[in-house]
Each structure stands twice: as structure tokens, then as C-alpha cells.
Amino acid sequence: MFSRNRNGVAQIAGTVALLMAFGAQAKPLEIPVGSQGSELSFGEARGMKKNDISIRLGEPLSIKGPIGEPAITRWEYSDFYVFFERDTVLHTVKKPRG
């Protein structure tokens, strides 16, 4: 009875060890130095503050607003717009090509 349990525990331990070994084989993500921080993924901008955006992307080409209540402001960059509600990013929109 106990020998079966020991074999089962050994099999589980072996499986866990293999899974951990394969998990440690992940390749690191390499980003060229010239492009680090130059672009912001649209999904990760939501919720960021104006100060964080200006630090990460630099000063915008132009600023429109604030307009309305709550105050909505649009910052223009070369390839996209960033929309803020007061001080927080609501949305980013790519500029149309053409």
C-alpha cells in the first residue's frame, strides 16, 4: 500500500520538476535601445496620468482642450492622439494613413 503512494508521489514530483524546467527556458524579450520607450501600446496607456505620458512619449505636437464637463483634452503625437479626462488617459487613437 505504501509503495504505491511513494511511486505516485515520485511521479508527481518528477512531473512538477519537468514543468518547472521547461518554464525556466523562456526567451528574454529584447527591444532595441533606439526604440525603448518611444512608442506606447494603446492598451497600456489607459489609466495613465498626463505626467507619465509626457515623460514616456515627450511633449505632444499640439494640445486641444480642455472642453466640456468632465474636461476632455486631446494631445496630438506624430502617429496617434491621446484623449484625457481631466488628468487620466481615456483612449488612444491611431491617425489615419493617407
N, C-alpha and C. Protein backbone atom coordinates (compact mmCIF):
# COMPACT_ATOMS: atom_id res chain seq x y z
N MET A 1 0.81 -1.19 0.00
CA MET A 1 0.00 0.00 0.00
C MET A 1 0.86 1.26 0.00
N PHE A 2 1.87 1.32 0.87
CA PHE A 2 2.71 2.50 0.95
C PHE A 2 3.62 2.63 -0.26
N SER A 3 4.00 1.53 -0.88
CA SER A 3 4.88 1.61 -2.05
C SER A 3 4.15 2.28 -3.21
N ARG A 4 2.85 2.07 -3.35
CA ARG A 4 2.09 2.74 -4.42
C ARG A 4 2.06 4.25 -4.18
N ASN A 5 1.86 4.66 -2.96
CA ASN A 5 1.83 6.08 -2.64
C ASN A 5 3.17 6.73 -2.91
N ARG A 6 4.27 6.02 -2.58
CA ARG A 6 5.60 6.57 -2.84
C ARG A 6 5.85 6.73 -4.33
N ASN A 7 5.41 5.74 -5.12
CA ASN A 7 5.58 5.83 -6.57
C ASN A 7 4.76 6.99 -7.13
N GLY A 8 3.54 7.14 -6.64
CA GLY A 8 2.69 8.24 -7.09
C GLY A 8 3.28 9.60 -6.75
N VAL A 9 3.82 9.72 -5.54
CA VAL A 9 4.45 10.98 -5.12
C VAL A 9 5.68 11.25 -5.96
N ALA A 10 6.45 10.21 -6.25
CA ALA A 10 7.65 10.37 -7.08
C ALA A 10 7.27 10.80 -8.49
N GLN A 11 6.20 10.23 -9.03
CA GLN A 11 5.76 10.62 -10.37
C GLN A 11 5.30 12.07 -10.40
N ILE A 12 4.55 12.47 -9.40
CA ILE A 12 4.09 13.86 -9.33
C ILE A 12 5.27 14.81 -9.18
N ALA A 13 6.21 14.45 -8.32
CA ALA A 13 7.39 15.29 -8.13
C ALA A 13 8.20 15.39 -9.42
N GLY A 14 8.33 14.31 -10.15
CA GLY A 14 9.04 14.32 -11.42
C GLY A 14 8.35 15.19 -12.44
N THR A 15 7.03 15.09 -12.50
CA THR A 15 6.26 15.91 -13.44
C THR A 15 6.41 17.38 -13.11
N VAL A 16 6.31 17.74 -11.83
CA VAL A 16 6.46 19.13 -11.42
C VAL A 16 7.86 19.63 -11.76
N ALA A 17 8.88 18.81 -11.53
CA ALA A 17 10.26 19.20 -11.85
C ALA A 17 10.42 19.46 -13.34
N LEU A 18 9.82 18.61 -14.19
CA LEU A 18 9.90 18.81 -15.64
C LEU A 18 9.19 20.09 -16.06
N LEU A 19 8.01 20.33 -15.50
CA LEU A 19 7.28 21.54 -15.84
C LEU A 19 8.05 22.79 -15.43
N MET A 20 8.67 22.75 -14.28
CA MET A 20 9.45 23.90 -13.82
C MET A 20 10.67 24.10 -14.71
N ALA A 21 11.30 23.03 -15.15
CA ALA A 21 12.47 23.14 -16.01
C ALA A 21 12.09 23.75 -17.36
N PHE A 22 10.96 23.35 -17.92
CA PHE A 22 10.53 23.92 -19.19
C PHE A 22 10.13 25.38 -19.03
N GLY A 23 9.54 25.73 -17.92
CA GLY A 23 9.15 27.11 -17.68
C GLY A 23 10.35 28.02 -17.57
N ALA A 24 11.46 27.51 -17.11
CA ALA A 24 12.68 28.31 -16.97
C ALA A 24 13.37 28.53 -18.31
N GLN A 25 12.90 27.90 -19.37
CA GLN A 25 13.52 28.01 -20.68
C GLN A 25 12.98 29.18 -21.50
N ALA A 26 12.19 30.06 -20.93
CA ALA A 26 11.61 31.18 -21.67
C ALA A 26 12.71 32.10 -22.18
N LYS A 27 12.53 32.59 -23.42
CA LYS A 27 13.50 33.50 -24.00
C LYS A 27 13.23 34.92 -23.51
N PRO A 28 14.28 35.69 -23.25
CA PRO A 28 14.06 37.08 -22.85
C PRO A 28 13.59 37.91 -24.04
N LEU A 29 12.78 38.90 -23.77
CA LEU A 29 12.30 39.81 -24.79
C LEU A 29 13.34 40.91 -24.97
N GLU A 30 13.84 41.06 -26.20
CA GLU A 30 14.85 42.08 -26.46
C GLU A 30 14.25 43.19 -27.29
N ILE A 31 14.41 44.43 -26.82
CA ILE A 31 13.93 45.60 -27.53
C ILE A 31 15.14 46.46 -27.86
N PRO A 32 15.34 46.80 -29.14
CA PRO A 32 16.49 47.63 -29.49
C PRO A 32 16.49 48.93 -28.70
N VAL A 33 17.70 49.37 -28.33
CA VAL A 33 17.83 50.55 -27.48
C VAL A 33 17.16 51.77 -28.09
N GLY A 34 17.24 51.95 -29.39
CA GLY A 34 16.66 53.12 -30.03
C GLY A 34 15.15 53.17 -29.96
N SER A 35 14.50 52.04 -29.75
CA SER A 35 13.04 52.04 -29.74
C SER A 35 12.45 51.84 -28.35
N GLN A 36 13.26 51.74 -27.34
CA GLN A 36 12.74 51.57 -25.98
C GLN A 36 12.06 52.85 -25.54
N GLY A 37 10.80 52.73 -25.17
CA GLY A 37 10.07 53.87 -24.63
C GLY A 37 9.58 54.84 -25.69
N SER A 38 9.86 54.58 -26.97
CA SER A 38 9.45 55.54 -27.98
C SER A 38 8.00 55.39 -28.37
N GLU A 39 7.44 54.22 -28.23
CA GLU A 39 6.04 54.01 -28.56
C GLU A 39 5.32 53.43 -27.37
N LEU A 40 4.08 53.68 -27.33
CA LEU A 40 3.25 53.22 -26.23
C LEU A 40 2.17 52.34 -26.79
N SER A 41 2.06 51.15 -26.27
CA SER A 41 0.99 50.27 -26.70
C SER A 41 -0.34 50.90 -26.31
N PHE A 42 -1.30 50.85 -27.22
CA PHE A 42 -2.57 51.52 -26.98
C PHE A 42 -3.26 50.99 -25.73
N GLY A 43 -3.21 49.70 -25.50
CA GLY A 43 -3.90 49.13 -24.35
C GLY A 43 -3.28 49.53 -23.03
N GLU A 44 -1.97 49.74 -23.00
CA GLU A 44 -1.33 50.04 -21.72
C GLU A 44 -1.38 51.52 -21.34
N ALA A 45 -1.84 52.38 -22.24
CA ALA A 45 -1.92 53.81 -21.94
C ALA A 45 -3.12 54.15 -21.07
N ARG A 46 -4.22 53.42 -21.22
CA ARG A 46 -5.45 53.73 -20.48
C ARG A 46 -5.18 53.76 -18.97
N GLY A 47 -5.62 54.86 -18.36
CA GLY A 47 -5.46 55.00 -16.92
C GLY A 47 -4.19 55.72 -16.49
N MET A 48 -3.27 55.96 -17.43
CA MET A 48 -2.04 56.67 -17.09
C MET A 48 -2.34 58.15 -16.90
N LYS A 49 -1.47 58.84 -16.23
CA LYS A 49 -1.62 60.27 -15.96
C LYS A 49 -0.85 61.07 -17.02
N LYS A 50 -1.24 62.35 -17.18
CA LYS A 50 -0.60 63.22 -18.17
C LYS A 50 0.91 63.28 -17.98
N ASN A 51 1.33 63.40 -16.74
CA ASN A 51 2.77 63.48 -16.45
C ASN A 51 3.49 62.23 -16.92
N ASP A 52 2.90 61.05 -16.71
CA ASP A 52 3.50 59.79 -17.14
C ASP A 52 3.61 59.72 -18.66
N ILE A 53 2.58 60.19 -19.36
CA ILE A 53 2.59 60.19 -20.82
C ILE A 53 3.68 61.11 -21.34
N SER A 54 3.77 62.32 -20.80
CA SER A 54 4.78 63.26 -21.29
C SER A 54 6.19 62.77 -21.00
N ILE A 55 6.39 62.08 -19.88
CA ILE A 55 7.71 61.52 -19.58
C ILE A 55 8.03 60.41 -20.57
N ARG A 56 7.07 59.57 -20.85
CA ARG A 56 7.30 58.40 -21.71
C ARG A 56 7.37 58.76 -23.19
N LEU A 57 6.53 59.69 -23.64
CA LEU A 57 6.44 59.99 -25.07
C LEU A 57 7.00 61.36 -25.45
N GLY A 58 7.30 62.18 -24.48
CA GLY A 58 7.76 63.52 -24.77
C GLY A 58 6.58 64.46 -24.90
N GLU A 59 6.89 65.70 -25.22
CA GLU A 59 5.85 66.70 -25.35
C GLU A 59 5.05 66.44 -26.63
N PRO A 60 3.74 66.65 -26.58
CA PRO A 60 2.91 66.45 -27.78
C PRO A 60 3.16 67.55 -28.81
N LEU A 61 2.78 67.25 -30.07
CA LEU A 61 2.88 68.25 -31.14
C LEU A 61 1.91 69.39 -30.89
N SER A 62 0.71 69.06 -30.42
CA SER A 62 -0.29 70.08 -30.08
C SER A 62 -1.22 69.54 -29.00
N ILE A 63 -1.90 70.47 -28.33
CA ILE A 63 -2.87 70.14 -27.28
C ILE A 63 -4.16 70.88 -27.59
N LYS A 64 -5.27 70.16 -27.62
CA LYS A 64 -6.60 70.74 -27.83
C LYS A 64 -7.43 70.54 -26.57
N GLY A 65 -8.08 71.61 -26.12
CA GLY A 65 -8.95 71.49 -24.96
C GLY A 65 -8.31 72.13 -23.75
N PRO A 66 -8.89 71.94 -22.59
CA PRO A 66 -10.00 71.06 -22.24
C PRO A 66 -11.35 71.61 -22.70
N ILE A 67 -12.23 70.70 -23.02
CA ILE A 67 -13.56 71.02 -23.49
C ILE A 67 -14.58 70.21 -22.69
N GLY A 68 -15.68 70.87 -22.27
CA GLY A 68 -16.80 70.17 -21.65
C GLY A 68 -16.61 69.85 -20.19
N GLU A 69 -17.58 69.09 -19.69
CA GLU A 69 -17.56 68.63 -18.30
C GLU A 69 -17.97 67.17 -18.28
N PRO A 70 -17.17 66.22 -17.93
CA PRO A 70 -15.81 66.41 -17.45
C PRO A 70 -14.89 66.93 -18.56
N ALA A 71 -13.83 67.57 -18.16
CA ALA A 71 -12.90 68.20 -19.09
C ALA A 71 -12.16 67.14 -19.91
N ILE A 72 -12.31 67.23 -21.26
CA ILE A 72 -11.65 66.31 -22.18
C ILE A 72 -10.57 67.08 -22.93
N THR A 73 -9.36 66.53 -22.95
CA THR A 73 -8.22 67.13 -23.63
C THR A 73 -7.66 66.13 -24.61
N ARG A 74 -7.19 66.63 -25.78
CA ARG A 74 -6.58 65.75 -26.78
C ARG A 74 -5.15 66.20 -27.02
N TRP A 75 -4.21 65.26 -26.87
CA TRP A 75 -2.81 65.51 -27.20
C TRP A 75 -2.52 64.83 -28.52
N GLU A 76 -1.86 65.56 -29.40
CA GLU A 76 -1.52 65.02 -30.72
C GLU A 76 -0.04 64.66 -30.76
N TYR A 77 0.23 63.42 -31.20
CA TYR A 77 1.59 62.96 -31.49
C TYR A 77 1.67 62.66 -32.98
N SER A 78 2.83 62.30 -33.48
CA SER A 78 3.01 62.13 -34.92
C SER A 78 2.11 61.04 -35.51
N ASP A 79 1.88 59.95 -34.78
CA ASP A 79 1.11 58.83 -35.33
C ASP A 79 -0.24 58.58 -34.66
N PHE A 80 -0.52 59.27 -33.56
CA PHE A 80 -1.76 58.99 -32.83
C PHE A 80 -2.15 60.15 -31.94
N TYR A 81 -3.37 60.08 -31.41
CA TYR A 81 -3.89 61.05 -30.45
C TYR A 81 -4.09 60.35 -29.11
N VAL A 82 -3.92 61.10 -28.04
CA VAL A 82 -4.20 60.60 -26.69
C VAL A 82 -5.29 61.49 -26.10
N PHE A 83 -6.39 60.89 -25.67
CA PHE A 83 -7.51 61.62 -25.09
C PHE A 83 -7.51 61.45 -23.57
N PHE A 84 -7.64 62.57 -22.87
CA PHE A 84 -7.63 62.57 -21.41
C PHE A 84 -8.97 63.06 -20.88
N GLU A 85 -9.42 62.47 -19.78
CA GLU A 85 -10.50 63.03 -18.97
C GLU A 85 -9.82 63.60 -17.74
N ARG A 86 -9.84 64.91 -17.66
CA ARG A 86 -9.07 65.64 -16.64
C ARG A 86 -7.60 65.28 -16.79
N ASP A 87 -7.06 64.45 -15.94
CA ASP A 87 -5.63 64.13 -15.94
C ASP A 87 -5.35 62.68 -16.32
N THR A 88 -6.37 61.91 -16.67
CA THR A 88 -6.23 60.47 -16.87
C THR A 88 -6.54 60.08 -18.32
N VAL A 89 -5.71 59.19 -18.89
CA VAL A 89 -5.91 58.73 -20.27
C VAL A 89 -7.20 57.92 -20.37
N LEU A 90 -8.06 58.35 -21.30
CA LEU A 90 -9.28 57.61 -21.60
C LEU A 90 -9.06 56.64 -22.74
N HIS A 91 -8.40 57.16 -23.80
CA HIS A 91 -8.33 56.38 -25.04
C HIS A 91 -7.18 56.91 -25.89
N THR A 92 -6.64 56.05 -26.75
CA THR A 92 -5.67 56.46 -27.74
C THR A 92 -6.20 56.04 -29.11
N VAL A 93 -5.94 56.88 -30.11
CA VAL A 93 -6.45 56.63 -31.46
C VAL A 93 -5.32 56.85 -32.46
N LYS A 94 -5.09 55.84 -33.32
CA LYS A 94 -4.10 55.99 -34.38
C LYS A 94 -4.61 56.97 -35.41
N LYS A 95 -3.70 57.78 -35.94
CA LYS A 95 -4.06 58.71 -37.01
C LYS A 95 -4.26 57.91 -38.31
N PRO A 96 -5.22 58.32 -39.13
CA PRO A 96 -5.40 57.62 -40.40
C PRO A 96 -4.21 57.88 -41.33
N ARG A 97 -3.83 56.87 -42.08
CA ARG A 97 -2.75 56.99 -43.07
C ARG A 97 -3.34 57.39 -44.40
N GLY A 98 -2.69 58.33 -45.07
CA GLY A 98 -3.19 58.61 -46.40
C GLY A 98 -3.13 59.98 -46.83
